Amino acid sequence: MAELLLILLAPTAGGALLHYLWISRPAPRRHSGLAVGQIPQRLRRRPQMAVRRVGGAA
């Protein structure tokens, strides 16, 4: 009898869990909040890369 009850209730519990996870997922990001041509703050604050100068002391 317990097996029959488990067979009937397991798919219901799994479906309810799947439904809960689906409706509680984070909403997709619609836009990044930047205007066209703007540089993201993280990229803008990167330190400058070293530049190799031509004709340096060798």
N, C-alpha and C. Protein backbone atom coordinates (compact mmCIF):
# COMPACT_ATOMS: atom_id res chain seq x y z
N MET A 1 0.82 -1.20 0.00
CA MET A 1 0.00 0.00 0.00
C MET A 1 0.86 1.26 0.00
N ALA A 2 1.96 1.19 0.75
CA ALA A 2 2.85 2.36 0.82
C ALA A 2 3.49 2.63 -0.54
N GLU A 3 3.82 1.54 -1.28
CA GLU A 3 4.43 1.71 -2.59
C GLU A 3 3.47 2.39 -3.56
N LEU A 4 2.20 2.00 -3.49
CA LEU A 4 1.19 2.62 -4.36
C LEU A 4 1.06 4.10 -4.03
N LEU A 5 1.05 4.43 -2.77
CA LEU A 5 0.97 5.83 -2.34
C LEU A 5 2.18 6.61 -2.83
N LEU A 6 3.36 5.99 -2.74
CA LEU A 6 4.58 6.65 -3.19
C LEU A 6 4.56 6.85 -4.70
N ILE A 7 4.08 5.87 -5.43
CA ILE A 7 4.00 5.98 -6.89
C ILE A 7 3.05 7.11 -7.29
N LEU A 8 2.00 7.31 -6.53
CA LEU A 8 1.04 8.37 -6.86
C LEU A 8 1.51 9.75 -6.44
N LEU A 9 2.24 9.84 -5.32
CA LEU A 9 2.62 11.16 -4.80
C LEU A 9 3.96 11.67 -5.31
N ALA A 10 4.87 10.79 -5.71
CA ALA A 10 6.20 11.23 -6.14
C ALA A 10 6.16 12.14 -7.38
N PRO A 11 5.41 11.78 -8.45
CA PRO A 11 5.37 12.71 -9.60
C PRO A 11 4.73 14.05 -9.25
N THR A 12 3.76 14.03 -8.36
CA THR A 12 3.11 15.28 -7.96
C THR A 12 4.08 16.17 -7.21
N ALA A 13 4.85 15.59 -6.29
CA ALA A 13 5.83 16.37 -5.54
C ALA A 13 6.92 16.88 -6.46
N GLY A 14 7.36 16.05 -7.39
CA GLY A 14 8.39 16.48 -8.34
C GLY A 14 7.91 17.61 -9.23
N GLY A 15 6.67 17.50 -9.69
CA GLY A 15 6.10 18.56 -10.52
C GLY A 15 5.94 19.86 -9.75
N ALA A 16 5.53 19.76 -8.50
CA ALA A 16 5.37 20.96 -7.68
C ALA A 16 6.73 21.62 -7.45
N LEU A 17 7.76 20.81 -7.21
CA LEU A 17 9.10 21.37 -7.02
C LEU A 17 9.60 22.03 -8.29
N LEU A 18 9.39 21.38 -9.43
CA LEU A 18 9.81 21.95 -10.70
C LEU A 18 9.07 23.26 -10.98
N HIS A 19 7.79 23.28 -10.69
CA HIS A 19 7.00 24.51 -10.88
C HIS A 19 7.51 25.63 -9.98
N TYR A 20 7.82 25.32 -8.73
CA TYR A 20 8.32 26.34 -7.80
C TYR A 20 9.66 26.90 -8.28
N LEU A 21 10.54 26.00 -8.73
CA LEU A 21 11.84 26.46 -9.21
C LEU A 21 11.70 27.33 -10.46
N TRP A 22 10.73 26.98 -11.31
CA TRP A 22 10.54 27.74 -12.55
C TRP A 22 10.01 29.13 -12.27
N ILE A 23 9.03 29.25 -11.37
CA ILE A 23 8.44 30.57 -11.13
C ILE A 23 9.32 31.44 -10.23
N SER A 24 10.28 30.84 -9.51
CA SER A 24 11.11 31.65 -8.62
C SER A 24 12.48 31.95 -9.24
N ARG A 25 12.67 31.64 -10.52
CA ARG A 25 13.96 31.93 -11.13
C ARG A 25 14.11 33.43 -11.35
N PRO A 26 15.35 33.94 -11.36
CA PRO A 26 15.54 35.37 -11.55
C PRO A 26 15.12 35.82 -12.95
N ALA A 27 14.59 37.01 -13.03
CA ALA A 27 14.13 37.54 -14.31
C ALA A 27 15.33 37.82 -15.21
N PRO A 28 15.18 37.64 -16.51
CA PRO A 28 16.29 37.93 -17.42
C PRO A 28 16.56 39.44 -17.48
N ARG A 29 17.82 39.79 -17.67
CA ARG A 29 18.17 41.21 -17.77
C ARG A 29 17.73 41.74 -19.12
N ARG A 30 16.95 42.80 -19.10
CA ARG A 30 16.44 43.36 -20.35
C ARG A 30 17.50 44.22 -21.05
N HIS A 31 18.21 45.03 -20.30
CA HIS A 31 19.25 45.87 -20.87
C HIS A 31 20.28 46.14 -19.79
N SER A 32 21.45 46.57 -20.19
CA SER A 32 22.55 46.75 -19.24
C SER A 32 22.49 48.11 -18.56
N GLY A 33 21.65 49.03 -19.02
CA GLY A 33 21.57 50.35 -18.42
C GLY A 33 22.56 51.34 -19.01
N LEU A 34 23.28 50.94 -20.04
CA LEU A 34 24.25 51.83 -20.66
C LEU A 34 23.69 52.43 -21.94
N ALA A 35 24.07 53.66 -22.20
CA ALA A 35 23.70 54.27 -23.47
C ALA A 35 24.64 53.76 -24.55
N VAL A 36 24.31 54.04 -25.80
CA VAL A 36 25.13 53.58 -26.91
C VAL A 36 26.50 54.27 -26.83
N GLY A 37 27.56 53.47 -26.87
CA GLY A 37 28.91 54.03 -26.84
C GLY A 37 29.50 54.17 -25.47
N GLN A 38 28.73 53.95 -24.41
CA GLN A 38 29.28 54.07 -23.07
C GLN A 38 30.15 52.87 -22.74
N ILE A 39 31.18 53.11 -21.95
CA ILE A 39 32.09 52.04 -21.54
C ILE A 39 31.67 51.59 -20.15
N PRO A 40 31.53 50.29 -19.90
CA PRO A 40 31.17 49.83 -18.56
C PRO A 40 32.20 50.27 -17.54
N GLN A 41 31.74 50.54 -16.32
CA GLN A 41 32.59 51.06 -15.26
C GLN A 41 33.78 50.14 -14.97
N ARG A 42 33.56 48.82 -14.96
CA ARG A 42 34.64 47.88 -14.67
C ARG A 42 35.74 47.96 -15.71
N LEU A 43 35.36 48.12 -16.99
CA LEU A 43 36.37 48.18 -18.04
C LEU A 43 37.10 49.53 -18.03
N ARG A 44 36.40 50.58 -17.65
CA ARG A 44 36.99 51.91 -17.69
C ARG A 44 38.05 52.08 -16.62
N ARG A 45 37.92 51.39 -15.49
CA ARG A 45 38.84 51.58 -14.38
C ARG A 45 40.02 50.63 -14.41
N ARG A 46 40.20 49.89 -15.49
CA ARG A 46 41.36 49.00 -15.58
C ARG A 46 42.63 49.83 -15.70
N PRO A 47 43.73 49.39 -15.08
CA PRO A 47 44.98 50.13 -15.23
C PRO A 47 45.48 50.07 -16.67
N GLN A 48 46.24 51.06 -17.05
CA GLN A 48 46.77 51.11 -18.41
C GLN A 48 47.76 49.98 -18.63
N MET A 49 47.77 49.45 -19.83
CA MET A 49 48.72 48.41 -20.17
C MET A 49 50.07 49.05 -20.48
N ALA A 50 51.14 48.31 -20.21
CA ALA A 50 52.47 48.82 -20.52
C ALA A 50 52.65 48.87 -22.03
N VAL A 51 53.28 49.94 -22.51
CA VAL A 51 53.49 50.11 -23.95
C VAL A 51 54.99 50.02 -24.22
N ARG A 52 55.33 49.19 -25.19
CA ARG A 52 56.75 49.06 -25.55
C ARG A 52 57.14 50.25 -26.42
N ARG A 53 58.15 50.97 -26.00
CA ARG A 53 58.59 52.16 -26.75
C ARG A 53 59.66 51.75 -27.75
N VAL A 54 59.58 52.32 -28.93
CA VAL A 54 60.53 52.01 -29.99
C VAL A 54 61.81 52.80 -29.74
N GLY A 55 62.97 52.15 -29.91
CA GLY A 55 64.25 52.84 -29.78
C GLY A 55 64.67 53.05 -28.34
N GLY A 56 64.20 52.24 -27.44
CA GLY A 56 64.60 52.38 -26.03
C GLY A 56 66.02 51.89 -25.81
N ALA A 57 66.51 52.08 -24.60
CA ALA A 57 67.87 51.64 -24.27
C ALA A 57 67.94 50.12 -24.33
N ALA A 58 68.82 49.62 -25.20
CA ALA A 58 68.91 48.17 -25.37
C ALA A 58 70.21 47.62 -24.85
